[in-house]
Amino acid sequence: MTHRLALGLLAALFPGTAFAGLEICNQTAASQSIAIGYQEDGQWVSEGWWNIPAGECREPVKGDLKTRYFYLHASASGRVHNEERYTFCTQSDVFTIVGDENCATRGFDTSNFAQIDTGATSTHHTHTIVEAAVKQDGGQKQSAQPTTASGLTRGQHGEPYSDRLMFQTCDIIDGLEACSFVGNGWRFYAFYDDPTPANYLRQFEDMAPNTPVAVTGDLINYGERVAELAITEIEPLWGQDPYAGINGALQGDWVSGEEGGEESLFIFGSEMHSYHDGVYSDTYLLRIEPDCPDSAGAGPVMVQTSVKYGDEYCYLFDNLAGGWMDLILMGHEAMISYRKVN
């Protein structure tokens, strides 16, 4: 990576991370369309729509928050979230509507919203939409929770193993179907019917990347930062990622055009693929931590583990807003900036 020295050593090493506004993150398996409501100058205002793909975040309110309570309407195809008890005016097209009464007579629809309490003094708040009981069109309710037990018996296929990991994806890997997970600088694979039942793993195919999961099973074999699992249970930990907002904001394509050649990054889930001048360089396994030894308590930080070399790097977030990511490499007093391009 190309770095530039940060000016003012102490100020650069331990700045306050620049987060501001209301951020909505989607940890469901489906793209969500959202609208928000809030009070401004004594008037109720509703705005929409923002489309949030699974595993991503959007910031409908930018800058320091000026009010404590916001209201959220979130819907996917054929589904609306429960516990939405506050009504605002909406319409199918993009809108900003002042006033929450007489919606029909003004030519608008009336939609239910859920309250978000951002706290009495917060200038930034992240709200995560998670899978829960949802109401289907037709009025019936169903649970989005998958079956957690696979039917395998723990201890029959290798060394017993359990840990909290981040779900990555279910895909074709080296010609074989498998679900993958990332945690603690390692990749973990569970291959369909080898021995984890394929029908059990298929129910996770639509789960959002970076969903935290509790994985229990056997460690079949392992190599350089890669391990194979026989899974007895996967328990999705909906809404239990304290860094969901950061993880969501990281997703996508980034570019740094500093002197020495362009570096581009593609981040998907907890994996980051690095390219220099269009040529693949390395893949890094990511995890967000409160701090790291070199940050002297400052955080949060992004720990990157090189798949190619096994080296770990700790970066302090100096900024992750407005389409920019500014990182300070701990232990080297160097900063690098990336611009989001997709």
Protein backbone atom coordinates (compact mmCIF):
# COMPACT_ATOMS: atom_id res chain seq x y z
CA MET A 1 0.00 0.00 0.00
CA THR A 2 1.12 3.56 -0.67
CA HIS A 3 1.14 5.70 2.47
CA ARG A 4 1.67 9.35 3.32
CA LEU A 5 2.84 10.64 6.70
CA ALA A 6 0.07 11.98 8.92
CA LEU A 7 0.63 15.55 10.10
CA GLY A 8 0.74 16.03 13.85
CA LEU A 9 1.61 12.65 15.35
CA LEU A 10 -0.67 12.62 18.38
CA ALA A 11 -3.58 14.23 16.56
CA ALA A 12 -3.27 11.77 13.72
CA LEU A 13 -2.95 8.70 15.91
CA PHE A 14 -5.91 9.31 18.15
CA PRO A 15 -8.57 11.39 16.38
CA GLY A 16 -12.28 11.04 16.92
CA THR A 17 -13.72 9.01 14.07
CA ALA A 18 -15.85 11.22 11.84
CA PHE A 19 -19.29 9.65 11.94
CA ALA A 20 -22.39 11.83 11.88
CA GLY A 21 -26.01 11.42 10.89
CA LEU A 22 -28.63 8.68 10.88
CA GLU A 23 -27.44 5.49 9.23
CA ILE A 24 -29.74 2.57 8.38
CA CYS A 25 -28.13 -0.84 7.80
CA ASN A 26 -29.85 -3.87 6.28
CA GLN A 27 -28.92 -7.25 7.78
CA THR A 28 -31.85 -9.09 6.24
CA ALA A 29 -31.59 -11.37 3.23
CA ALA A 30 -33.65 -9.04 1.01
CA SER A 31 -33.23 -5.52 -0.33
CA GLN A 32 -35.22 -3.03 1.76
CA SER A 33 -36.94 0.18 0.69
CA ILE A 34 -37.04 2.69 3.52
CA ALA A 35 -38.68 5.99 4.34
CA ILE A 36 -38.09 8.15 7.40
CA GLY A 37 -40.15 10.56 9.47
CA TYR A 38 -39.06 13.28 11.87
CA GLN A 39 -40.13 16.61 13.39
CA GLU A 40 -38.62 19.84 12.08
CA ASP A 41 -39.60 23.36 13.12
CA GLY A 42 -42.75 22.00 14.75
CA GLN A 43 -43.85 20.17 11.58
CA TRP A 44 -43.90 16.41 10.97
CA VAL A 45 -41.96 15.52 7.81
CA SER A 46 -41.67 12.23 5.93
CA GLU A 47 -39.14 11.39 3.20
CA GLY A 48 -38.45 8.42 0.93
CA TRP A 49 -37.28 6.30 -0.70
CA TRP A 50 -33.83 4.82 -0.10
CA ASN A 51 -33.14 1.31 -1.40
CA ILE A 52 -30.71 -0.68 0.77
CA PRO A 53 -29.40 -3.96 -0.66
CA ALA A 54 -28.83 -6.86 1.76
CA GLY A 55 -25.71 -6.29 3.84
CA GLU A 56 -25.37 -2.60 3.00
CA CYS A 57 -26.11 0.74 4.70
CA ARG A 58 -27.50 4.12 3.67
CA GLU A 59 -27.45 7.50 5.45
CA PRO A 60 -30.81 9.26 4.93
CA VAL A 61 -29.91 11.99 7.44
CA LYS A 62 -26.44 13.53 7.13
CA GLY A 63 -24.63 15.77 9.59
CA ASP A 64 -25.06 15.99 13.35
CA LEU A 65 -28.48 14.83 14.52
CA LYS A 66 -30.70 17.69 15.69
CA THR A 67 -33.53 15.61 17.11
CA ARG A 68 -33.69 12.51 19.27
CA TYR A 69 -36.56 10.58 17.67
CA PHE A 70 -36.82 9.40 14.09
CA TYR A 71 -39.39 7.07 12.52
CA LEU A 72 -38.68 4.32 10.01
CA HIS A 73 -40.77 2.45 7.46
CA ALA A 74 -38.97 -0.54 5.90
CA SER A 75 -40.39 -2.97 3.39
CA ALA A 76 -39.23 -5.72 1.08
CA SER A 77 -41.15 -7.40 -1.73
CA GLY A 78 -44.41 -8.62 -0.19
CA ARG A 79 -43.27 -7.99 3.39
CA VAL A 80 -43.57 -5.24 5.95
CA HIS A 81 -41.92 -5.21 9.36
CA ASN A 82 -44.02 -5.60 12.47
CA GLU A 83 -44.22 -3.21 15.42
CA GLU A 84 -44.74 -0.12 13.24
CA ARG A 85 -47.27 1.96 15.16
CA TYR A 86 -46.75 5.54 13.97
CA THR A 87 -48.35 6.84 10.76
CA PHE A 88 -46.92 9.24 8.18
CA CYS A 89 -47.87 10.21 4.65
CA THR A 90 -46.04 8.47 1.79
CA GLN A 91 -46.31 7.92 -1.96
CA SER A 92 -44.81 5.49 -4.45
CA ASP A 93 -42.49 8.07 -6.04
CA VAL A 94 -39.61 9.81 -4.27
CA PHE A 95 -41.11 12.28 -1.81
CA THR A 96 -40.71 14.86 0.92
CA ILE A 97 -44.08 15.50 2.57
CA VAL A 98 -44.74 18.08 5.29
CA GLY A 99 -47.55 17.11 7.65
CA ASP A 100 -48.78 13.71 8.82
CA GLU A 101 -52.54 14.29 8.70
CA ASN A 102 -55.20 14.08 5.99
CA CYS A 103 -52.89 12.00 3.81
CA ALA A 104 -55.65 10.59 1.57
CA THR A 105 -57.35 13.95 0.94
CA ARG A 106 -53.96 15.37 -0.09
CA GLY A 107 -53.41 12.53 -2.55
CA PHE A 108 -50.96 10.52 -0.45
CA ASP A 109 -50.90 7.07 1.12
CA THR A 110 -50.76 6.42 4.87
CA SER A 111 -47.98 4.09 6.05
CA ASN A 112 -46.91 2.74 9.43
CA PHE A 113 -43.51 3.69 10.85
CA ALA A 114 -41.46 2.41 13.81
CA GLN A 115 -39.82 4.77 16.30
CA ILE A 116 -36.02 5.03 16.54
CA ASP A 117 -34.61 6.50 19.75
CA THR A 118 -31.13 7.84 18.96
CA GLY A 119 -30.41 8.94 22.54
CA ALA A 120 -30.57 12.27 24.28
CA THR A 121 -27.16 13.58 23.19
CA SER A 122 -26.18 11.48 20.14
CA THR A 123 -24.96 13.21 17.00
CA HIS A 124 -24.76 9.89 15.12
CA HIS A 125 -26.90 6.76 15.29
CA THR A 126 -26.88 3.48 13.38
CA HIS A 127 -30.09 1.46 13.21
CA THR A 128 -29.95 -2.09 11.86
CA ILE A 129 -32.88 -3.81 10.15
CA VAL A 130 -32.74 -7.50 11.08
CA GLU A 131 -34.71 -10.59 10.21
CA ALA A 132 -37.62 -11.12 12.57
CA ALA A 133 -41.23 -12.20 12.45
CA VAL A 134 -42.70 -10.40 9.46
CA LYS A 135 -46.23 -10.00 8.22
CA GLN A 136 -46.83 -11.43 4.77
CA ASP A 137 -49.39 -9.94 2.40
CA GLY A 138 -52.50 -11.85 3.47
CA GLY A 139 -51.99 -11.29 7.19
CA GLN A 140 -50.16 -14.45 8.20
CA LYS A 141 -46.96 -14.35 10.23
CA GLN A 142 -43.88 -16.43 9.78
CA SER A 143 -40.42 -16.57 11.32
CA ALA A 144 -37.39 -15.81 9.18
CA GLN A 145 -35.16 -17.89 11.46
CA PRO A 146 -33.65 -20.93 9.71
CA THR A 147 -33.41 -24.36 11.29
CA THR A 148 -30.22 -24.19 13.35
CA ALA A 149 -29.31 -27.89 13.78
CA SER A 150 -27.88 -29.84 10.83
CA GLY A 151 -28.39 -33.37 12.18
CA LEU A 152 -24.67 -34.17 12.40
CA THR A 153 -23.26 -35.42 15.71
CA ARG A 154 -20.47 -33.32 17.12
CA GLY A 155 -17.13 -35.07 17.54
CA GLN A 156 -17.59 -37.67 14.78
CA HIS A 157 -15.70 -35.86 12.00
CA GLY A 158 -12.79 -34.16 13.72
CA GLU A 159 -11.79 -31.93 16.61
CA PRO A 160 -14.82 -30.24 18.25
CA TYR A 161 -14.97 -26.55 17.33
CA SER A 162 -17.18 -23.58 18.17
CA ASP A 163 -16.77 -19.86 17.63
CA ARG A 164 -18.53 -16.68 16.61
CA LEU A 165 -17.86 -15.99 12.92
CA MET A 166 -19.09 -13.67 10.19
CA PHE A 167 -21.12 -15.32 7.45
CA GLN A 168 -19.57 -14.61 4.04
CA THR A 169 -21.50 -16.39 1.29
CA CYS A 170 -22.67 -19.72 -0.13
CA ASP A 171 -21.21 -20.23 -3.60
CA ILE A 172 -19.18 -22.46 -5.91
CA ILE A 173 -15.67 -22.73 -4.47
CA ASP A 174 -13.06 -24.63 -6.50
CA GLY A 175 -15.89 -26.32 -8.36
CA LEU A 176 -17.73 -27.42 -5.20
CA GLU A 177 -20.74 -25.90 -3.42
CA ALA A 178 -19.88 -24.53 0.01
CA CYS A 179 -20.79 -21.88 2.56
CA SER A 180 -17.93 -19.74 3.83
CA PHE A 181 -17.30 -17.82 7.02
CA VAL A 182 -14.58 -15.43 8.21
CA GLY A 183 -13.27 -14.98 11.73
CA ASN A 184 -10.05 -14.19 13.59
CA GLY A 185 -8.05 -13.93 10.39
CA TRP A 186 -9.23 -17.30 9.04
CA ARG A 187 -11.54 -18.53 6.29
CA PHE A 188 -13.82 -21.44 7.10
CA TYR A 189 -15.64 -23.61 4.56
CA ALA A 190 -18.50 -26.06 4.98
CA PHE A 191 -18.96 -28.12 1.81
CA TYR A 192 -22.37 -29.38 0.74
CA ASP A 193 -22.82 -33.06 1.76
CA ASP A 194 -19.15 -33.29 2.72
CA PRO A 195 -20.32 -33.96 5.35
CA THR A 196 -22.67 -31.04 6.26
CA PRO A 197 -26.08 -31.79 4.67
CA ALA A 198 -26.65 -29.73 1.52
CA ASN A 199 -30.30 -29.05 2.35
CA TYR A 200 -29.24 -27.62 5.70
CA LEU A 201 -26.67 -25.25 4.16
CA ARG A 202 -28.99 -24.12 1.35
CA GLN A 203 -31.28 -22.33 3.79
CA PHE A 204 -28.43 -19.86 4.43
CA GLU A 205 -27.82 -19.03 0.75
CA ASP A 206 -29.83 -15.79 0.94
CA MET A 207 -28.44 -14.64 4.28
CA ALA A 208 -26.74 -11.24 4.16
CA PRO A 209 -22.92 -11.17 4.16
CA ASN A 210 -21.43 -10.13 7.50
CA THR A 211 -24.30 -11.59 9.50
CA PRO A 212 -22.70 -12.71 12.79
CA VAL A 213 -23.27 -16.41 13.48
CA ALA A 214 -22.43 -18.86 16.27
CA VAL A 215 -20.96 -21.94 14.57
CA THR A 216 -20.62 -25.31 16.27
CA GLY A 217 -19.19 -28.46 14.74
CA ASP A 218 -15.93 -30.27 14.01
CA LEU A 219 -12.68 -29.01 12.55
CA ILE A 220 -11.96 -31.51 9.77
CA ASN A 221 -8.67 -30.08 8.49
CA TYR A 222 -6.86 -26.78 8.17
CA GLY A 223 -3.97 -25.15 6.35
CA GLU A 224 -2.69 -21.62 5.75
CA ARG A 225 -5.49 -19.45 7.19
CA VAL A 226 -8.09 -21.87 5.76
CA ALA A 227 -10.10 -24.52 7.62
CA GLU A 228 -12.83 -26.99 6.70
CA LEU A 229 -15.76 -27.57 9.05
CA ALA A 230 -18.41 -30.22 9.59
CA ILE A 231 -21.21 -28.11 11.02
CA THR A 232 -23.69 -29.33 13.59
CA GLU A 233 -25.32 -25.93 14.19
CA ILE A 234 -25.36 -22.40 12.79
CA GLU A 235 -27.17 -19.84 14.93
CA PRO A 236 -27.64 -16.43 13.26
CA LEU A 237 -27.05 -13.66 15.79
CA TRP A 238 -29.39 -11.11 14.25
CA GLY A 239 -28.69 -7.55 15.36
CA GLN A 240 -25.68 -8.51 17.49
CA ASP A 241 -22.93 -6.88 15.43
CA PRO A 242 -21.92 -3.67 17.25
CA TYR A 243 -20.08 -2.55 14.10
CA ALA A 244 -22.84 -3.25 11.57
CA GLY A 245 -22.77 0.38 10.43
CA ILE A 246 -19.03 0.29 9.75
CA ASN A 247 -19.21 -3.11 8.04
CA GLY A 248 -22.05 -1.88 5.84
CA ALA A 249 -20.24 1.33 4.90
CA LEU A 250 -17.12 -0.61 3.87
CA GLN A 251 -18.87 -2.66 1.19
CA GLY A 252 -18.11 -1.90 -2.44
CA ASP A 253 -15.28 -0.54 -4.61
CA TRP A 254 -12.67 1.94 -3.41
CA VAL A 255 -9.74 3.60 -5.13
CA SER A 256 -6.63 5.45 -4.00
CA GLY A 257 -4.83 7.43 -6.68
CA GLU A 258 -1.79 8.51 -4.68
CA GLU A 259 1.73 8.80 -6.08
CA GLY A 260 3.24 5.41 -6.84
CA GLY A 261 0.30 3.91 -8.69
CA GLU A 262 -3.40 3.44 -8.20
CA GLU A 263 -4.59 0.94 -5.62
CA SER A 264 -8.16 -0.29 -5.86
CA LEU A 265 -10.07 -2.36 -3.34
CA PHE A 266 -13.17 -4.49 -3.62
CA ILE A 267 -14.77 -5.27 -0.25
CA PHE A 268 -17.46 -7.92 -0.03
CA GLY A 269 -18.53 -9.19 3.36
CA SER A 270 -15.37 -9.65 5.45
CA GLU A 271 -13.00 -10.06 2.49
CA MET A 272 -11.04 -7.31 0.78
CA HIS A 273 -9.39 -7.88 -2.60
CA SER A 274 -6.53 -5.50 -3.43
CA TYR A 275 -5.33 -4.51 -6.91
CA HIS A 276 -2.40 -2.29 -7.95
CA ASP A 277 -2.77 -0.65 -11.35
CA GLY A 278 -5.43 -3.23 -12.19
CA VAL A 279 -3.29 -6.25 -11.24
CA TYR A 280 -4.44 -8.48 -8.38
CA SER A 281 -2.21 -8.12 -5.33
CA ASP A 282 -3.67 -9.90 -2.31
CA THR A 283 -6.83 -10.75 -0.38
CA TYR A 284 -7.26 -9.59 3.20
CA LEU A 285 -9.62 -11.02 5.81
CA LEU A 286 -11.21 -8.18 7.77
CA ARG A 287 -12.52 -7.79 11.27
CA ILE A 288 -13.57 -4.69 13.18
CA GLU A 289 -12.27 -4.47 16.75
CA PRO A 290 -12.63 -1.88 19.55
CA ASP A 291 -8.85 -1.32 19.40
CA CYS A 292 -5.56 -3.13 18.82
CA PRO A 293 -2.21 -3.19 20.72
CA ASP A 294 -0.67 -0.43 18.60
CA SER A 295 -3.69 1.89 18.86
CA ALA A 296 -3.23 2.47 22.61
CA GLY A 297 -6.97 2.21 23.26
CA ALA A 298 -8.09 4.29 20.26
CA GLY A 299 -10.73 2.74 18.03
CA PRO A 300 -12.61 1.28 16.40
CA VAL A 301 -9.99 -0.30 14.16
CA MET A 302 -9.97 -2.53 11.10
CA VAL A 303 -7.63 -5.51 11.37
CA GLN A 304 -6.53 -6.88 7.99
CA THR A 305 -4.99 -10.35 7.68
CA SER A 306 -3.13 -11.09 4.45
CA VAL A 307 -4.20 -14.39 2.89
CA LYS A 308 -0.99 -14.52 0.87
CA TYR A 309 1.50 -13.81 3.65
CA GLY A 310 -0.41 -14.15 6.93
CA ASP A 311 0.67 -10.70 8.13
CA GLU A 312 -1.76 -8.59 10.17
CA TYR A 313 -2.23 -4.83 9.88
CA CYS A 314 -4.23 -2.60 12.19
CA TYR A 315 -5.84 0.55 10.79
CA LEU A 316 -7.56 3.23 12.84
CA PHE A 317 -10.59 4.82 11.18
CA ASP A 318 -9.96 8.54 10.86
CA ASN A 319 -13.01 9.03 8.62
CA LEU A 320 -15.65 6.83 7.02
CA ALA A 321 -18.24 9.23 5.64
CA GLY A 322 -19.10 11.25 2.58
CA GLY A 323 -17.74 8.64 0.17
CA TRP A 324 -14.25 8.69 1.70
CA MET A 325 -12.33 6.25 3.89
CA ASP A 326 -9.26 7.62 5.69
CA LEU A 327 -7.19 5.03 7.55
CA ILE A 328 -4.15 5.40 9.81
CA LEU A 329 -1.78 2.42 9.90
CA MET A 330 -1.02 1.84 13.57
CA GLY A 331 2.66 1.56 14.44
CA HIS A 332 3.75 3.42 11.31
CA GLU A 333 2.07 6.84 11.73
CA ALA A 334 0.94 6.76 8.11
CA MET A 335 -2.41 7.58 6.55
CA ILE A 336 -4.03 6.44 3.34
CA SER A 337 -7.26 7.73 1.81
CA TYR A 338 -9.70 5.92 -0.45
CA ARG A 339 -12.61 7.26 -2.48
CA LYS A 340 -15.69 5.10 -2.94
CA VAL A 341 -16.53 4.52 -6.58
CA ASN A 342 -19.37 1.99 -6.30
